[in-house]
Amino acid sequence: MKYPVIFAAALCLTALPSYAAVYKCTINGVATFSQQPCGKDAQIIKVRYSGAKTVTAVTSEEEETQQPNVSEVDSYLKSQEYDRRIAMHERNISDYEARMAEDLAQLDNMNQATANYLGSDSIDEAKKQQATIVRANYRALIDNEKNAISELQKYKENINAAAKLNKPL
């Protein structure tokens, strides 16, 4: 008689979805997520794992009134990841511009023997040819970085739009 009651209780407990609390705080104007309260304005976001591949986040106010915000934490983290990658590409652009300036400055050290080796009659002509090549090479690298930044910004906008519309990533 005891075993069916224990079995029924165990069955009920396994059918319940599991929750994990995540705290959202604003620290120095930046939204921060933590497993522990991170400030006085800590807002509890319950992340529910329902066994499916999706994770839903529910703030304490939304819990009673609305559908959960499906991807608030995930979209914030993805957005931060894209910001880091954009910053990396911007650093690469700065590095390429600095290296291009160094390479162009080194052309001032060209002598007549080097100009002759490059097939030019004068040093000025050789410098112009080499400067054109150096600029073209670095412009291609810089353009690739700018294209990567543009793509990342599009992805970031899509993530932010999906989060506002309460859609999964």
N, C-alpha and C. Protein backbone atom coordinates (compact mmCIF):
# COMPACT_ATOMS: atom_id res chain seq x y z
N MET A 1 0.83 -1.18 0.00
CA MET A 1 0.00 0.00 0.00
C MET A 1 0.88 1.26 0.00
N LYS A 2 2.01 1.19 0.67
CA LYS A 2 2.91 2.32 0.77
C LYS A 2 3.60 2.62 -0.56
N TYR A 3 3.94 1.62 -1.31
CA TYR A 3 4.71 1.80 -2.54
C TYR A 3 3.95 2.53 -3.64
N PRO A 4 2.68 2.31 -3.87
CA PRO A 4 1.98 3.08 -4.92
C PRO A 4 1.95 4.58 -4.60
N VAL A 5 1.87 4.97 -3.33
CA VAL A 5 1.85 6.39 -2.96
C VAL A 5 3.21 7.01 -3.25
N ILE A 6 4.27 6.30 -2.89
CA ILE A 6 5.62 6.80 -3.16
C ILE A 6 5.86 6.89 -4.65
N PHE A 7 5.41 5.89 -5.40
CA PHE A 7 5.56 5.90 -6.86
C PHE A 7 4.80 7.07 -7.48
N ALA A 8 3.59 7.33 -7.01
CA ALA A 8 2.78 8.43 -7.53
C ALA A 8 3.44 9.78 -7.21
N ALA A 9 3.99 9.92 -6.01
CA ALA A 9 4.66 11.17 -5.63
C ALA A 9 5.90 11.39 -6.49
N ALA A 10 6.67 10.34 -6.71
CA ALA A 10 7.87 10.45 -7.54
C ALA A 10 7.50 10.80 -8.98
N LEU A 11 6.41 10.22 -9.47
CA LEU A 11 5.96 10.51 -10.83
C LEU A 11 5.54 11.97 -10.97
N CYS A 12 4.86 12.50 -9.97
CA CYS A 12 4.45 13.91 -10.00
C CYS A 12 5.66 14.84 -9.97
N LEU A 13 6.64 14.52 -9.19
CA LEU A 13 7.82 15.37 -9.08
C LEU A 13 8.64 15.38 -10.37
N THR A 14 8.69 14.27 -11.08
CA THR A 14 9.45 14.24 -12.32
C THR A 14 8.73 14.97 -13.44
N ALA A 15 7.44 15.16 -13.35
CA ALA A 15 6.69 15.83 -14.39
C ALA A 15 6.82 17.35 -14.28
N LEU A 16 7.28 17.88 -13.14
CA LEU A 16 7.41 19.31 -12.97
C LEU A 16 8.63 19.83 -13.72
N PRO A 17 8.50 20.99 -14.35
CA PRO A 17 9.69 21.56 -15.00
C PRO A 17 10.65 22.07 -13.94
N SER A 18 11.93 22.04 -14.27
CA SER A 18 12.91 22.53 -13.31
C SER A 18 13.25 23.99 -13.62
N TYR A 19 13.60 24.73 -12.57
CA TYR A 19 13.91 26.14 -12.70
C TYR A 19 15.30 26.42 -12.13
N ALA A 20 15.94 27.43 -12.68
CA ALA A 20 17.19 27.93 -12.13
C ALA A 20 17.06 29.45 -12.11
N ALA A 21 17.34 30.05 -10.98
CA ALA A 21 17.20 31.49 -10.87
C ALA A 21 18.46 32.19 -11.39
N VAL A 22 18.24 33.25 -12.13
CA VAL A 22 19.31 34.11 -12.60
C VAL A 22 18.93 35.51 -12.18
N TYR A 23 19.91 36.27 -11.68
CA TYR A 23 19.65 37.63 -11.23
C TYR A 23 20.16 38.61 -12.27
N LYS A 24 19.34 39.62 -12.53
CA LYS A 24 19.72 40.68 -13.46
C LYS A 24 19.86 41.97 -12.67
N CYS A 25 21.01 42.63 -12.80
CA CYS A 25 21.28 43.90 -12.13
C CYS A 25 21.83 44.87 -13.16
N THR A 26 21.74 46.13 -12.83
CA THR A 26 22.36 47.16 -13.65
C THR A 26 23.51 47.74 -12.85
N ILE A 27 24.73 47.49 -13.31
CA ILE A 27 25.93 47.97 -12.64
C ILE A 27 26.64 48.93 -13.58
N ASN A 28 26.78 50.17 -13.15
CA ASN A 28 27.40 51.23 -13.97
C ASN A 28 26.72 51.34 -15.33
N GLY A 29 25.40 51.19 -15.36
CA GLY A 29 24.66 51.33 -16.60
C GLY A 29 24.70 50.12 -17.51
N VAL A 30 25.29 49.03 -17.05
CA VAL A 30 25.41 47.82 -17.87
C VAL A 30 24.60 46.71 -17.22
N ALA A 31 23.77 46.06 -18.01
CA ALA A 31 23.00 44.93 -17.50
C ALA A 31 23.94 43.78 -17.21
N THR A 32 23.82 43.21 -16.00
CA THR A 32 24.69 42.12 -15.57
C THR A 32 23.82 40.97 -15.11
N PHE A 33 24.19 39.76 -15.48
CA PHE A 33 23.46 38.57 -15.08
C PHE A 33 24.35 37.72 -14.19
N SER A 34 23.77 37.17 -13.13
CA SER A 34 24.55 36.40 -12.17
C SER A 34 23.68 35.32 -11.56
N GLN A 35 24.32 34.31 -10.98
CA GLN A 35 23.57 33.27 -10.27
C GLN A 35 23.24 33.68 -8.85
N GLN A 36 23.89 34.75 -8.38
CA GLN A 36 23.65 35.26 -7.03
C GLN A 36 23.24 36.71 -7.15
N PRO A 37 22.51 37.26 -6.15
CA PRO A 37 22.14 38.67 -6.22
C PRO A 37 23.39 39.54 -6.41
N CYS A 38 23.34 40.41 -7.40
CA CYS A 38 24.52 41.18 -7.76
C CYS A 38 24.39 42.65 -7.40
N GLY A 39 23.32 43.04 -6.76
CA GLY A 39 23.14 44.43 -6.35
C GLY A 39 21.78 44.63 -5.70
N LYS A 40 21.53 45.87 -5.27
CA LYS A 40 20.27 46.18 -4.59
C LYS A 40 19.08 46.10 -5.55
N ASP A 41 19.33 46.36 -6.83
CA ASP A 41 18.25 46.34 -7.81
C ASP A 41 18.11 44.97 -8.49
N ALA A 42 18.61 43.93 -7.86
CA ALA A 42 18.60 42.59 -8.46
C ALA A 42 17.17 42.17 -8.78
N GLN A 43 16.98 41.75 -10.01
CA GLN A 43 15.68 41.28 -10.48
C GLN A 43 15.83 39.79 -10.79
N ILE A 44 14.97 38.99 -10.24
CA ILE A 44 15.08 37.54 -10.44
C ILE A 44 14.50 37.17 -11.80
N ILE A 45 15.29 36.42 -12.54
CA ILE A 45 14.85 35.85 -13.81
C ILE A 45 14.96 34.35 -13.65
N LYS A 46 13.85 33.67 -13.73
CA LYS A 46 13.88 32.21 -13.62
C LYS A 46 14.07 31.62 -15.00
N VAL A 47 15.09 30.80 -15.14
CA VAL A 47 15.36 30.14 -16.41
C VAL A 47 14.81 28.73 -16.28
N ARG A 48 13.87 28.41 -17.12
CA ARG A 48 13.20 27.12 -17.04
C ARG A 48 13.75 26.16 -18.08
N TYR A 49 14.15 25.00 -17.63
CA TYR A 49 14.62 23.94 -18.52
C TYR A 49 13.49 22.93 -18.63
N SER A 50 12.87 22.87 -19.78
CA SER A 50 11.71 22.01 -19.91
C SER A 50 12.03 20.70 -20.61
N GLY A 51 13.28 20.39 -20.79
CA GLY A 51 13.66 19.16 -21.47
C GLY A 51 13.78 19.36 -22.97
N ALA A 52 13.22 20.43 -23.48
CA ALA A 52 13.34 20.74 -24.90
C ALA A 52 14.67 21.45 -25.13
N LYS A 53 14.93 21.81 -26.35
CA LYS A 53 16.18 22.49 -26.66
C LYS A 53 16.12 23.97 -26.34
N THR A 54 14.95 24.49 -25.99
CA THR A 54 14.84 25.92 -25.71
C THR A 54 14.88 26.17 -24.21
N VAL A 55 15.36 27.34 -23.86
CA VAL A 55 15.42 27.79 -22.47
C VAL A 55 14.59 29.05 -22.41
N THR A 56 13.72 29.14 -21.41
CA THR A 56 12.90 30.34 -21.30
C THR A 56 13.28 31.09 -20.04
N ALA A 57 13.28 32.41 -20.12
CA ALA A 57 13.59 33.26 -18.98
C ALA A 57 12.32 33.97 -18.55
N VAL A 58 12.03 33.98 -17.25
CA VAL A 58 10.82 34.58 -16.73
C VAL A 58 11.21 35.52 -15.61
N THR A 59 10.90 36.82 -15.76
CA THR A 59 11.15 37.74 -14.66
C THR A 59 10.01 37.60 -13.66
N SER A 60 10.23 38.08 -12.44
CA SER A 60 9.23 37.91 -11.40
C SER A 60 7.91 38.59 -11.75
N GLU A 61 7.95 39.76 -12.46
CA GLU A 61 6.71 40.44 -12.84
C GLU A 61 6.00 39.70 -13.96
N GLU A 62 6.77 39.14 -14.89
CA GLU A 62 6.17 38.44 -16.02
C GLU A 62 5.60 37.09 -15.63
N GLU A 63 6.08 36.55 -14.53
CA GLU A 63 5.71 35.20 -14.15
C GLU A 63 4.19 35.05 -14.01
N GLU A 64 3.55 36.06 -13.43
CA GLU A 64 2.10 35.96 -13.22
C GLU A 64 1.31 36.47 -14.40
N THR A 65 1.86 37.41 -15.21
CA THR A 65 1.04 38.12 -16.17
C THR A 65 1.25 37.71 -17.62
N GLN A 66 2.48 37.49 -18.04
CA GLN A 66 2.77 37.32 -19.46
C GLN A 66 3.48 36.01 -19.73
N GLN A 67 3.64 35.77 -21.05
CA GLN A 67 4.49 34.66 -21.47
C GLN A 67 5.93 35.02 -21.14
N PRO A 68 6.77 34.05 -20.87
CA PRO A 68 8.16 34.37 -20.52
C PRO A 68 8.92 34.96 -21.70
N ASN A 69 9.89 35.82 -21.37
CA ASN A 69 10.80 36.36 -22.38
C ASN A 69 11.77 35.25 -22.74
N VAL A 70 11.63 34.72 -23.94
CA VAL A 70 12.30 33.49 -24.33
C VAL A 70 13.82 33.59 -24.28
N SER A 71 14.38 34.72 -24.64
CA SER A 71 15.82 34.72 -24.83
C SER A 71 16.51 35.97 -24.28
N GLU A 72 16.04 36.50 -23.20
CA GLU A 72 16.63 37.73 -22.68
C GLU A 72 18.10 37.55 -22.32
N VAL A 73 18.41 36.52 -21.57
CA VAL A 73 19.80 36.28 -21.16
C VAL A 73 20.65 35.88 -22.36
N ASP A 74 20.14 34.96 -23.16
CA ASP A 74 20.90 34.50 -24.32
C ASP A 74 21.16 35.62 -25.32
N SER A 75 20.14 36.45 -25.57
CA SER A 75 20.34 37.54 -26.54
C SER A 75 21.33 38.56 -26.00
N TYR A 76 21.30 38.82 -24.71
CA TYR A 76 22.26 39.76 -24.12
C TYR A 76 23.69 39.22 -24.25
N LEU A 77 23.86 37.94 -23.94
CA LEU A 77 25.19 37.34 -24.03
C LEU A 77 25.69 37.30 -25.47
N LYS A 78 24.82 36.97 -26.40
CA LYS A 78 25.20 36.96 -27.82
C LYS A 78 25.57 38.36 -28.27
N SER A 79 24.78 39.34 -27.84
CA SER A 79 25.06 40.73 -28.20
C SER A 79 26.43 41.16 -27.68
N GLN A 80 26.75 40.77 -26.46
CA GLN A 80 28.06 41.09 -25.89
C GLN A 80 29.18 40.40 -26.66
N GLU A 81 28.93 39.16 -27.08
CA GLU A 81 29.93 38.43 -27.87
C GLU A 81 30.18 39.15 -29.20
N TYR A 82 29.11 39.61 -29.85
CA TYR A 82 29.27 40.35 -31.11
C TYR A 82 29.99 41.67 -30.87
N ASP A 83 29.72 42.34 -29.76
CA ASP A 83 30.44 43.57 -29.43
C ASP A 83 31.94 43.31 -29.30
N ARG A 84 32.30 42.21 -28.64
CA ARG A 84 33.72 41.87 -28.49
C ARG A 84 34.36 41.58 -29.85
N ARG A 85 33.65 40.88 -30.69
CA ARG A 85 34.19 40.55 -32.01
C ARG A 85 34.32 41.80 -32.88
N ILE A 86 33.35 42.71 -32.77
CA ILE A 86 33.43 43.97 -33.51
C ILE A 86 34.64 44.77 -33.04
N ALA A 87 34.83 44.82 -31.72
CA ALA A 87 35.99 45.55 -31.17
C ALA A 87 37.30 44.93 -31.67
N MET A 88 37.35 43.62 -31.78
CA MET A 88 38.55 42.95 -32.28
C MET A 88 38.83 43.36 -33.72
N HIS A 89 37.79 43.41 -34.55
CA HIS A 89 37.97 43.81 -35.95
C HIS A 89 38.38 45.28 -36.04
N GLU A 90 37.84 46.11 -35.16
CA GLU A 90 38.24 47.53 -35.15
C GLU A 90 39.72 47.67 -34.75
N ARG A 91 40.18 46.85 -33.80
CA ARG A 91 41.60 46.86 -33.45
C ARG A 91 42.46 46.40 -34.63
N ASN A 92 41.98 45.40 -35.35
CA ASN A 92 42.71 44.93 -36.53
C ASN A 92 42.84 46.05 -37.56
N ILE A 93 41.77 46.82 -37.75
CA ILE A 93 41.82 47.93 -38.70
C ILE A 93 42.87 48.94 -38.25
N SER A 94 42.88 49.27 -36.97
CA SER A 94 43.88 50.23 -36.45
C SER A 94 45.29 49.69 -36.65
N ASP A 95 45.48 48.40 -36.40
CA ASP A 95 46.79 47.78 -36.60
C ASP A 95 47.22 47.85 -38.06
N TYR A 96 46.29 47.54 -38.98
CA TYR A 96 46.61 47.59 -40.40
C TYR A 96 46.97 49.01 -40.83
N GLU A 97 46.23 50.00 -40.33
CA GLU A 97 46.53 51.39 -40.69
C GLU A 97 47.90 51.80 -40.17
N ALA A 98 48.24 51.37 -38.96
CA ALA A 98 49.56 51.70 -38.40
C ALA A 98 50.67 51.01 -39.20
N ARG A 99 50.46 49.75 -39.55
CA ARG A 99 51.47 49.02 -40.33
C ARG A 99 51.62 49.61 -41.72
N MET A 100 50.51 50.06 -42.32
CA MET A 100 50.58 50.69 -43.63
C MET A 100 51.39 51.98 -43.55
N ALA A 101 51.16 52.77 -42.50
CA ALA A 101 51.94 54.01 -42.34
C ALA A 101 53.43 53.70 -42.17
N GLU A 102 53.75 52.65 -41.43
CA GLU A 102 55.16 52.26 -41.26
C GLU A 102 55.78 51.84 -42.58
N ASP A 103 55.03 51.02 -43.33
CA ASP A 103 55.55 50.55 -44.61
C ASP A 103 55.73 51.71 -45.59
N LEU A 104 54.81 52.66 -45.58
CA LEU A 104 54.95 53.82 -46.46
C LEU A 104 56.14 54.69 -46.04
N ALA A 105 56.36 54.79 -44.72
CA ALA A 105 57.48 55.57 -44.23
C ALA A 105 58.81 54.92 -44.62
N GLN A 106 58.84 53.60 -44.66
CA GLN A 106 60.07 52.90 -45.04
C GLN A 106 60.44 53.13 -46.50
N LEU A 107 59.45 53.49 -47.29
CA LEU A 107 59.75 53.75 -48.71
C LEU A 107 60.65 54.96 -48.88
N ASP A 108 60.69 55.85 -47.88
CA ASP A 108 61.56 57.01 -47.95
C ASP A 108 63.04 56.62 -47.93
N ASN A 109 63.33 55.43 -47.45
CA ASN A 109 64.72 54.96 -47.37
C ASN A 109 65.20 54.29 -48.66
N MET A 110 64.37 54.33 -49.69
CA MET A 110 64.72 53.66 -50.94
C MET A 110 65.90 54.38 -51.62
N ASN A 111 66.79 53.58 -52.20
CA ASN A 111 67.93 54.15 -52.93
C ASN A 111 67.80 53.82 -54.42
N GLN A 112 68.71 54.34 -55.21
CA GLN A 112 68.65 54.16 -56.66
C GLN A 112 68.80 52.70 -57.06
N ALA A 113 69.61 51.96 -56.33
CA ALA A 113 69.82 50.55 -56.65
C ALA A 113 68.50 49.77 -56.49
N THR A 114 67.77 50.07 -55.43
CA THR A 114 66.48 49.41 -55.21
C THR A 114 65.49 49.82 -56.30
N ALA A 115 65.48 51.10 -56.66
CA ALA A 115 64.59 51.58 -57.72
C ALA A 115 64.91 50.88 -59.04
N ASN A 116 66.20 50.72 -59.34
CA ASN A 116 66.59 50.02 -60.56
C ASN A 116 66.16 48.56 -60.52
N TYR A 117 66.31 47.93 -59.36
CA TYR A 117 65.90 46.53 -59.19
C TYR A 117 64.40 46.37 -59.43
N LEU A 118 63.63 47.38 -59.01
CA LEU A 118 62.16 47.34 -59.19
C LEU A 118 61.75 47.73 -60.61
N GLY A 119 62.71 48.09 -61.46
CA GLY A 119 62.41 48.39 -62.85
C GLY A 119 62.04 49.83 -63.11
N SER A 120 62.38 50.71 -62.18
CA SER A 120 62.07 52.13 -62.34
C SER A 120 63.35 52.90 -62.66
N ASP A 121 63.16 54.01 -63.39
CA ASP A 121 64.31 54.85 -63.73
C ASP A 121 64.66 55.80 -62.59
N SER A 122 63.67 56.18 -61.78
CA SER A 122 63.94 57.13 -60.69
C SER A 122 63.42 56.59 -59.37
N ILE A 123 63.95 57.14 -58.30
CA ILE A 123 63.53 56.74 -56.96
C ILE A 123 62.07 57.15 -56.72
N ASP A 124 61.70 58.35 -57.16
CA ASP A 124 60.34 58.85 -56.96
C ASP A 124 59.31 57.95 -57.65
N GLU A 125 59.64 57.52 -58.87
CA GLU A 125 58.73 56.64 -59.60
C GLU A 125 58.59 55.30 -58.87
N ALA A 126 59.67 54.75 -58.38
CA ALA A 126 59.63 53.48 -57.63
C ALA A 126 58.84 53.63 -56.34
N LYS A 127 59.02 54.75 -55.66
CA LYS A 127 58.27 55.00 -54.42
C LYS A 127 56.77 55.06 -54.69
N LYS A 128 56.38 55.74 -55.76
CA LYS A 128 54.96 55.85 -56.11
C LYS A 128 54.37 54.48 -56.41
N GLN A 129 55.12 53.68 -57.19
CA GLN A 129 54.64 52.34 -57.53
C GLN A 129 54.48 51.47 -56.27
N GLN A 130 55.49 51.50 -55.43
CA GLN A 130 55.45 50.68 -54.21
C GLN A 130 54.37 51.19 -53.23
N ALA A 131 54.20 52.51 -53.16
CA ALA A 131 53.16 53.07 -52.28
C ALA A 131 51.77 52.64 -52.76
N THR A 132 51.57 52.61 -54.06
CA THR A 132 50.29 52.14 -54.61
C THR A 132 50.03 50.69 -54.24
N ILE A 133 51.07 49.87 -54.34
CA ILE A 133 50.94 48.45 -54.00
C ILE A 133 50.65 48.28 -52.51
N VAL A 134 51.41 48.99 -51.67
CA VAL A 134 51.22 48.89 -50.22
C VAL A 134 49.80 49.31 -49.85
N ARG A 135 49.34 50.45 -50.37
CA ARG A 135 47.99 50.94 -50.06
C ARG A 135 46.93 49.94 -50.51
N ALA A 136 47.10 49.38 -51.72
CA ALA A 136 46.12 48.42 -52.24
C ALA A 136 46.05 47.18 -51.35
N ASN A 137 47.21 46.68 -50.92
CA ASN A 137 47.23 45.49 -50.07
C ASN A 137 46.54 45.74 -48.73
N TYR A 138 46.87 46.86 -48.10
CA TYR A 138 46.27 47.16 -46.80
C TYR A 138 44.79 47.55 -46.94
N ARG A 139 44.42 48.22 -48.02
CA ARG A 139 43.01 48.56 -48.23
C ARG A 139 42.17 47.28 -48.33
N ALA A 140 42.71 46.26 -49.00
CA ALA A 140 41.98 44.99 -49.10
C ALA A 140 41.77 44.37 -47.72
N LEU A 141 42.82 44.39 -46.90
CA LEU A 141 42.69 43.84 -45.55
C LEU A 141 41.70 44.65 -44.71
N ILE A 142 41.79 45.97 -44.81
CA ILE A 142 40.89 46.84 -44.04
C ILE A 142 39.45 46.67 -44.51
N ASP A 143 39.24 46.57 -45.81
CA ASP A 143 37.88 46.36 -46.34
C ASP A 143 37.29 45.04 -45.84
N ASN A 144 38.11 43.99 -45.77
CA ASN A 144 37.63 42.71 -45.23
C ASN A 144 37.18 42.86 -43.78
N GLU A 145 37.96 43.60 -43.00
CA GLU A 145 37.60 43.83 -41.59
C GLU A 145 36.30 44.63 -41.49
N LYS A 146 36.16 45.64 -42.34
CA LYS A 146 34.93 46.46 -42.32
C LYS A 146 33.72 45.63 -42.72
N ASN A 147 33.89 44.74 -43.69
CA ASN A 147 32.79 43.85 -44.08
C ASN A 147 32.41 42.92 -42.93
N ALA A 148 33.40 42.41 -42.22
CA ALA A 148 33.12 41.54 -41.07
C ALA A 148 32.36 42.32 -40.00
N ILE A 149 32.75 43.56 -39.75
CA ILE A 149 32.05 44.40 -38.76
C ILE A 149 30.61 44.62 -39.19
N SER A 150 30.40 44.89 -40.46
CA SER A 150 29.05 45.11 -40.98
C SER A 150 28.17 43.88 -40.78
N GLU A 151 28.72 42.71 -41.07
CA GLU A 151 27.96 41.47 -40.88
C GLU A 151 27.62 41.25 -39.40
N LEU A 152 28.59 41.47 -38.54
CA LEU A 152 28.35 41.28 -37.10
C LEU A 152 27.30 42.26 -36.59
N GLN A 153 27.32 43.48 -37.08
CA GLN A 153 26.32 44.45 -36.66
C GLN A 153 24.92 44.03 -37.11
N LYS A 154 24.81 43.43 -38.30
CA LYS A 154 23.52 42.92 -38.77
C LYS A 154 23.03 41.80 -37.86
N TYR A 155 23.93 40.87 -37.50
CA TYR A 155 23.56 39.78 -36.61
C TYR A 155 23.11 40.32 -35.26
N LYS A 156 23.83 41.30 -34.76
CA LYS A 156 23.50 41.89 -33.47
C LYS A 156 22.12 42.56 -33.52
N GLU A 157 21.84 43.29 -34.60
CA GLU A 157 20.52 43.91 -34.75
C GLU A 157 19.42 42.86 -34.80
N ASN A 158 19.66 41.75 -35.50
CA ASN A 158 18.67 40.67 -35.57
C ASN A 158 18.42 40.06 -34.19
N ILE A 159 19.48 39.88 -33.42
CA ILE A 159 19.32 39.32 -32.08
C ILE A 159 18.53 40.27 -31.19
N ASN A 160 18.86 41.55 -31.25
CA ASN A 160 18.15 42.53 -30.44
C ASN A 160 16.68 42.62 -30.85
N ALA A 161 16.41 42.57 -32.15
CA ALA A 161 15.03 42.62 -32.63
C ALA A 161 14.27 41.37 -32.17
N ALA A 162 14.91 40.21 -32.24
CA ALA A 162 14.25 38.98 -31.80
C ALA A 162 13.95 39.01 -30.31
N ALA A 163 14.86 39.58 -29.53
CA ALA A 163 14.63 39.67 -28.08
C ALA A 163 13.47 40.60 -27.78
N LYS A 164 13.37 41.70 -28.52
CA LYS A 164 12.26 42.63 -28.31
C LYS A 164 10.93 42.02 -28.69
N LEU A 165 10.95 41.16 -29.69
CA LEU A 165 9.71 40.51 -30.14
C LEU A 165 9.43 39.21 -29.39
N ASN A 166 10.32 38.89 -28.42
CA ASN A 166 10.13 37.71 -27.59
C ASN A 166 10.25 36.42 -28.40
N LYS A 167 11.13 36.42 -29.40
CA LYS A 167 11.33 35.23 -30.23
C LYS A 167 12.62 34.54 -29.84
N PRO A 168 12.72 33.24 -30.05
CA PRO A 168 13.98 32.55 -29.76
C PRO A 168 15.04 32.94 -30.78
N LEU A 169 16.31 32.74 -30.38
CA LEU A 169 17.42 33.06 -31.28
C LEU A 169 17.43 32.15 -32.47
